[in-house]
N, C-alpha and C. Protein backbone atom coordinates (compact mmCIF):
# COMPACT_ATOMS: atom_id res chain seq x y z
N UNK A 1 100.79 154.21 96.93
CA UNK A 1 99.56 154.63 95.52
C UNK A 1 100.45 155.98 94.66
N UNK A 2 100.62 156.11 93.40
CA UNK A 2 101.05 156.40 92.83
C UNK A 2 101.46 158.19 92.72
N UNK A 3 102.61 158.97 92.29
CA UNK A 3 102.15 160.27 92.57
C UNK A 3 102.83 160.69 91.20
N UNK A 4 102.04 161.99 90.34
CA UNK A 4 102.29 162.35 89.64
C UNK A 4 102.51 163.48 89.45
N UNK A 5 103.24 164.73 88.67
CA UNK A 5 103.43 166.01 88.50
C UNK A 5 102.35 166.26 86.88
N UNK A 6 101.54 166.87 87.05
CA UNK A 6 100.97 167.35 85.87
C UNK A 6 101.22 169.06 85.45
N UNK A 7 102.13 168.92 84.16
CA UNK A 7 102.10 170.57 84.24
C UNK A 7 100.87 170.69 82.77
N UNK A 8 99.65 172.05 83.43
CA UNK A 8 98.74 172.47 82.66
C UNK A 8 99.13 173.35 82.22
N UNK A 9 98.33 173.47 81.22
CA UNK A 9 98.10 175.36 79.99
C UNK A 9 96.86 175.43 79.63
N UNK A 10 96.42 176.37 79.87
CA UNK A 10 95.45 177.09 79.25
C UNK A 10 95.03 177.44 78.12
N UNK A 11 94.16 177.19 77.75
CA UNK A 11 93.53 177.36 76.28
C UNK A 11 93.43 178.55 76.18
N UNK A 12 94.26 179.56 75.47
CA UNK A 12 93.87 180.79 75.43
C UNK A 12 93.20 181.56 74.40
N UNK A 13 92.22 180.69 73.40
CA UNK A 13 91.75 181.02 72.37
C UNK A 13 90.30 181.13 73.22
N UNK A 14 89.88 180.23 74.23
CA UNK A 14 88.78 179.96 75.24
C UNK A 14 88.82 180.96 76.07
N UNK A 15 89.29 181.36 76.74
CA UNK A 15 89.57 183.01 77.87
C UNK A 15 88.60 183.38 77.40
N UNK A 16 87.39 184.16 77.65
CA UNK A 16 86.90 185.26 77.45
C UNK A 16 87.35 186.13 77.71
N UNK A 17 87.41 187.48 76.66
CA UNK A 17 87.54 188.65 76.96
C UNK A 17 87.30 189.88 78.18
N UNK A 18 85.89 189.30 78.09
CA UNK A 18 85.48 190.13 79.32
C UNK A 18 85.93 189.63 80.86
N UNK A 19 86.27 190.81 81.49
CA UNK A 19 87.11 190.04 82.88
C UNK A 19 86.01 189.22 83.63
N UNK A 20 84.73 189.99 83.90
CA UNK A 20 83.87 189.30 84.55
C UNK A 20 83.49 187.75 84.40
N UNK A 21 82.92 187.43 82.81
CA UNK A 21 83.27 186.30 82.63
C UNK A 21 84.37 185.53 82.63
N UNK A 22 85.87 185.91 82.62
CA UNK A 22 86.90 185.49 82.97
C UNK A 22 87.19 184.96 84.11
N UNK A 23 86.56 185.92 85.25
CA UNK A 23 86.68 185.15 86.53
C UNK A 23 85.62 184.58 86.82
N UNK A 24 84.57 184.46 86.41
CA UNK A 24 83.44 183.30 86.68
C UNK A 24 84.28 181.87 86.14
N UNK A 25 84.83 182.27 84.85
CA UNK A 25 85.85 180.84 84.54
C UNK A 25 86.71 180.09 85.16
N UNK A 26 87.26 181.09 85.36
CA UNK A 26 88.05 180.95 86.65
C UNK A 26 87.47 180.09 88.10
N UNK A 27 87.13 181.06 88.81
CA UNK A 27 86.47 180.60 89.99
C UNK A 27 86.30 179.05 89.61
N UNK A 28 85.16 178.81 88.68
CA UNK A 28 85.31 177.06 88.32
C UNK A 28 85.86 176.22 88.15
N UNK A 29 87.36 176.97 88.01
CA UNK A 29 88.15 175.99 87.83
C UNK A 29 88.87 175.93 89.88
N UNK A 30 88.93 176.62 89.91
CA UNK A 30 89.39 176.76 91.64
C UNK A 30 88.69 176.24 92.41
N UNK A 31 86.95 176.41 91.77
CA UNK A 31 86.32 175.01 92.53
C UNK A 31 86.51 173.92 92.49
N UNK A 32 86.79 173.40 90.84
CA UNK A 32 87.44 172.77 91.09
C UNK A 32 88.34 171.55 91.15
N UNK A 33 89.54 172.06 91.75
CA UNK A 33 90.50 172.26 92.33
C UNK A 33 90.43 172.43 93.92
N UNK A 34 89.83 173.03 94.55
CA UNK A 34 89.51 172.53 95.91
C UNK A 34 88.64 171.37 95.71
N UNK A 35 87.96 170.42 94.92
CA UNK A 35 87.18 169.38 95.02
C UNK A 35 88.68 168.16 94.68
N UNK A 36 88.87 168.73 93.92
CA UNK A 36 90.70 167.62 94.16
C UNK A 36 91.16 167.09 95.29
N UNK A 37 91.40 168.45 95.96
CA UNK A 37 92.11 168.45 97.44
C UNK A 37 91.48 167.84 98.29
N UNK A 38 90.06 168.13 98.40
CA UNK A 38 89.37 167.58 99.12
C UNK A 38 89.10 166.03 99.01
N UNK A 39 89.02 165.42 98.31
CA UNK A 39 89.11 164.16 97.46
C UNK A 39 90.29 163.24 97.71
N UNK A 40 91.44 163.94 97.84
CA UNK A 40 92.35 163.25 98.02
C UNK A 40 93.60 163.14 97.23
N UNK A 41 92.83 163.58 95.96
CA UNK A 41 94.07 163.41 94.57
C UNK A 41 95.16 164.56 94.29
N UNK A 42 94.25 165.62 94.95
CA UNK A 42 95.51 166.73 94.22
C UNK A 42 96.04 166.92 95.76
N UNK A 43 97.38 167.21 95.37
CA UNK A 43 97.96 166.81 97.00
C UNK A 43 98.75 168.67 96.82
N UNK A 44 98.76 168.84 95.61
CA UNK A 44 99.11 170.83 95.81
C UNK A 44 99.29 170.94 94.26
N UNK A 45 99.05 172.43 93.90
CA UNK A 45 98.21 173.14 92.92
C UNK A 45 99.01 174.43 92.82
N UNK A 46 99.00 174.98 91.72
CA UNK A 46 99.65 176.25 91.82
C UNK A 46 99.60 176.71 89.96
N UNK A 47 99.84 178.31 90.51
CA UNK A 47 99.47 178.71 88.29
C UNK A 47 101.40 179.57 88.91
N UNK A 48 101.81 179.57 87.80
CA UNK A 48 102.54 180.51 87.28
C UNK A 48 102.08 182.24 87.23
N UNK A 49 102.69 182.94 87.63
CA UNK A 49 102.46 184.28 88.10
C UNK A 49 102.09 184.56 86.27
N UNK A 50 101.51 186.09 85.83
CA UNK A 50 101.28 186.06 84.41
C UNK A 50 101.24 185.23 83.50
N UNK A 51 101.17 184.15 83.92
CA UNK A 51 100.67 182.88 83.14
C UNK A 51 99.55 182.40 82.85
N UNK A 52 99.50 181.09 81.62
CA UNK A 52 98.11 181.01 81.79
C UNK A 52 98.48 179.53 82.07
N UNK A 53 99.27 179.10 82.64
CA UNK A 53 99.79 177.68 83.12
C UNK A 53 100.35 177.26 84.79
N UNK A 54 100.79 176.26 85.01
CA UNK A 54 100.97 175.47 86.13
C UNK A 54 100.94 174.08 86.73
N UNK A 55 100.88 173.74 87.64
CA UNK A 55 101.35 172.24 88.11
C UNK A 55 100.13 171.87 88.81
N UNK A 56 100.17 170.66 88.67
CA UNK A 56 99.62 169.70 89.82
C UNK A 56 100.43 168.69 90.32
N UNK A 57 100.22 168.41 91.82
CA UNK A 57 100.93 167.53 92.12
C UNK A 57 99.57 166.86 92.71
N UNK A 58 99.68 165.39 92.40
CA UNK A 58 98.77 164.65 92.18
C UNK A 58 99.13 163.28 92.86
N UNK A 59 98.27 162.30 93.66
CA UNK A 59 98.56 160.91 93.60
C UNK A 59 96.98 160.23 93.34
N UNK A 60 97.58 158.65 92.86
CA UNK A 60 96.24 157.93 93.17
C UNK A 60 96.62 156.95 91.77
N UNK A 61 95.64 156.51 91.48
CA UNK A 61 96.04 155.32 90.09
C UNK A 61 95.58 155.85 88.99
N UNK A 62 96.44 155.28 88.11
CA UNK A 62 95.84 156.07 86.32
C UNK A 62 94.53 156.25 86.22
N UNK A 63 93.55 155.49 86.60
CA UNK A 63 92.53 155.94 86.52
C UNK A 63 92.08 157.19 86.91
N UNK A 64 91.98 157.64 88.38
CA UNK A 64 92.09 158.35 89.19
C UNK A 64 92.64 159.71 88.16
N UNK A 65 93.75 159.61 88.52
CA UNK A 65 94.78 160.94 87.61
C UNK A 65 94.13 161.06 86.29
N UNK A 66 93.71 160.28 85.87
CA UNK A 66 93.26 160.48 83.88
C UNK A 66 91.14 161.28 84.24
N UNK A 67 91.02 160.54 85.13
CA UNK A 67 89.80 161.74 85.69
C UNK A 67 89.94 162.60 85.71
N UNK A 68 90.54 162.98 86.69
CA UNK A 68 90.81 164.17 87.60
C UNK A 68 91.28 165.60 86.28
N UNK A 69 92.51 164.92 85.82
CA UNK A 69 92.85 165.61 83.86
C UNK A 69 91.48 166.21 83.34
N UNK A 70 90.66 164.82 82.81
CA UNK A 70 89.85 164.92 81.71
C UNK A 70 88.64 166.17 82.84
N UNK A 71 88.62 166.32 83.56
CA UNK A 71 87.79 167.14 83.86
C UNK A 71 88.09 168.76 83.45
N UNK A 72 89.13 169.10 83.25
CA UNK A 72 89.64 170.69 82.82
C UNK A 72 89.63 170.54 81.40
N UNK A 73 89.43 169.32 80.26
CA UNK A 73 89.09 169.78 78.60
C UNK A 73 87.97 170.08 78.28
N UNK A 74 87.62 171.23 77.95
CA UNK A 74 89.00 171.06 76.59
C UNK A 74 89.77 172.93 76.90
N UNK A 75 89.82 172.84 78.36
CA UNK A 75 89.92 174.70 78.57
C UNK A 75 91.33 174.27 78.91
N UNK A 76 91.85 173.22 79.36
CA UNK A 76 93.50 173.10 79.82
C UNK A 76 94.04 171.74 78.95
N UNK A 77 94.90 171.31 78.55
CA UNK A 77 95.95 170.71 78.43
C UNK A 77 96.91 170.57 79.46
N UNK A 78 97.04 168.76 80.08
CA UNK A 78 97.84 168.69 80.99
C UNK A 78 98.83 167.55 80.15
N UNK A 79 99.94 167.49 80.74
CA UNK A 79 101.82 166.29 80.67
C UNK A 79 101.40 165.88 82.11
N UNK A 80 101.43 164.52 81.84
CA UNK A 80 101.59 164.00 83.02
C UNK A 80 102.81 163.47 82.85
N UNK A 81 103.79 163.82 84.34
CA UNK A 81 104.99 162.96 84.45
C UNK A 81 104.85 162.27 86.11
N UNK A 82 105.33 160.40 85.79
CA UNK A 82 105.24 159.72 87.16
C UNK A 82 106.22 159.97 87.83
N UNK A 83 106.53 160.61 89.16
CA UNK A 83 107.24 160.79 90.03
C UNK A 83 107.11 160.11 91.27
N UNK A 84 109.20 159.54 91.19
CA UNK A 84 109.37 158.25 92.57
C UNK A 84 110.31 159.17 93.90
N UNK A 85 109.55 158.64 95.00
CA UNK A 85 109.99 159.42 95.74
C UNK A 85 111.77 158.82 96.10
N UNK A 86 111.86 159.59 97.23
CA UNK A 86 113.55 159.24 97.08
C UNK A 86 113.85 157.90 98.09
N UNK A 87 112.03 157.75 98.27
CA UNK A 87 112.63 155.93 99.01
C UNK A 87 112.75 155.09 97.24
N UNK A 88 111.83 155.43 96.69
CA UNK A 88 112.25 154.96 95.84
C UNK A 88 112.98 154.58 94.73
N UNK A 89 113.71 156.17 94.79
CA UNK A 89 115.03 156.34 94.05
C UNK A 89 116.04 155.21 94.21
N UNK A 90 116.33 155.71 96.14
CA UNK A 90 116.87 155.00 96.67
C UNK A 90 116.97 153.16 96.20
N UNK A 91 116.21 153.00 96.41
CA UNK A 91 115.62 151.19 95.55
C UNK A 91 116.15 151.39 94.61
N UNK A 92 116.20 152.30 93.48
CA UNK A 92 116.60 151.79 91.63
C UNK A 92 117.95 152.10 92.02
N UNK A 93 118.78 152.86 92.98
CA UNK A 93 120.04 152.99 92.49
C UNK A 93 120.70 151.53 93.69
N UNK A 94 120.39 151.38 94.35
CA UNK A 94 120.77 149.94 95.21
C UNK A 94 120.57 148.79 93.44
N UNK A 95 119.35 148.79 93.79
CA UNK A 95 119.75 147.40 92.02
C UNK A 95 120.55 147.73 90.91
N UNK A 96 120.73 149.17 90.81
CA UNK A 96 121.93 149.63 89.79
C UNK A 96 122.89 149.31 90.55
N UNK A 97 123.67 149.17 91.89
CA UNK A 97 124.96 148.75 92.32
C UNK A 97 124.74 147.16 92.31
N UNK A 98 124.04 147.06 92.19
CA UNK A 98 124.05 145.04 92.54
C UNK A 98 123.57 144.87 93.61
């Protein structure tokens, strides 16, 4: 199964000014994150303190990762990066070394 690092950024134009409305929106987003963790797709999630962005480490097929990311649109955008494990990187180095 492929592993991805997704960097997310919230759309500041869509964040309510009212703190109660903002809190309700964040609560909904965190519920979606927890659901992804329960499904086993989201392995780690974090937000950068004092910023409206963060990261997700996820495992799955391209379709699963795409569906997970799409549920946050239009409130967040994500940049996805496929990542290799140490053993995968080791195999790459072995192939280069001939």
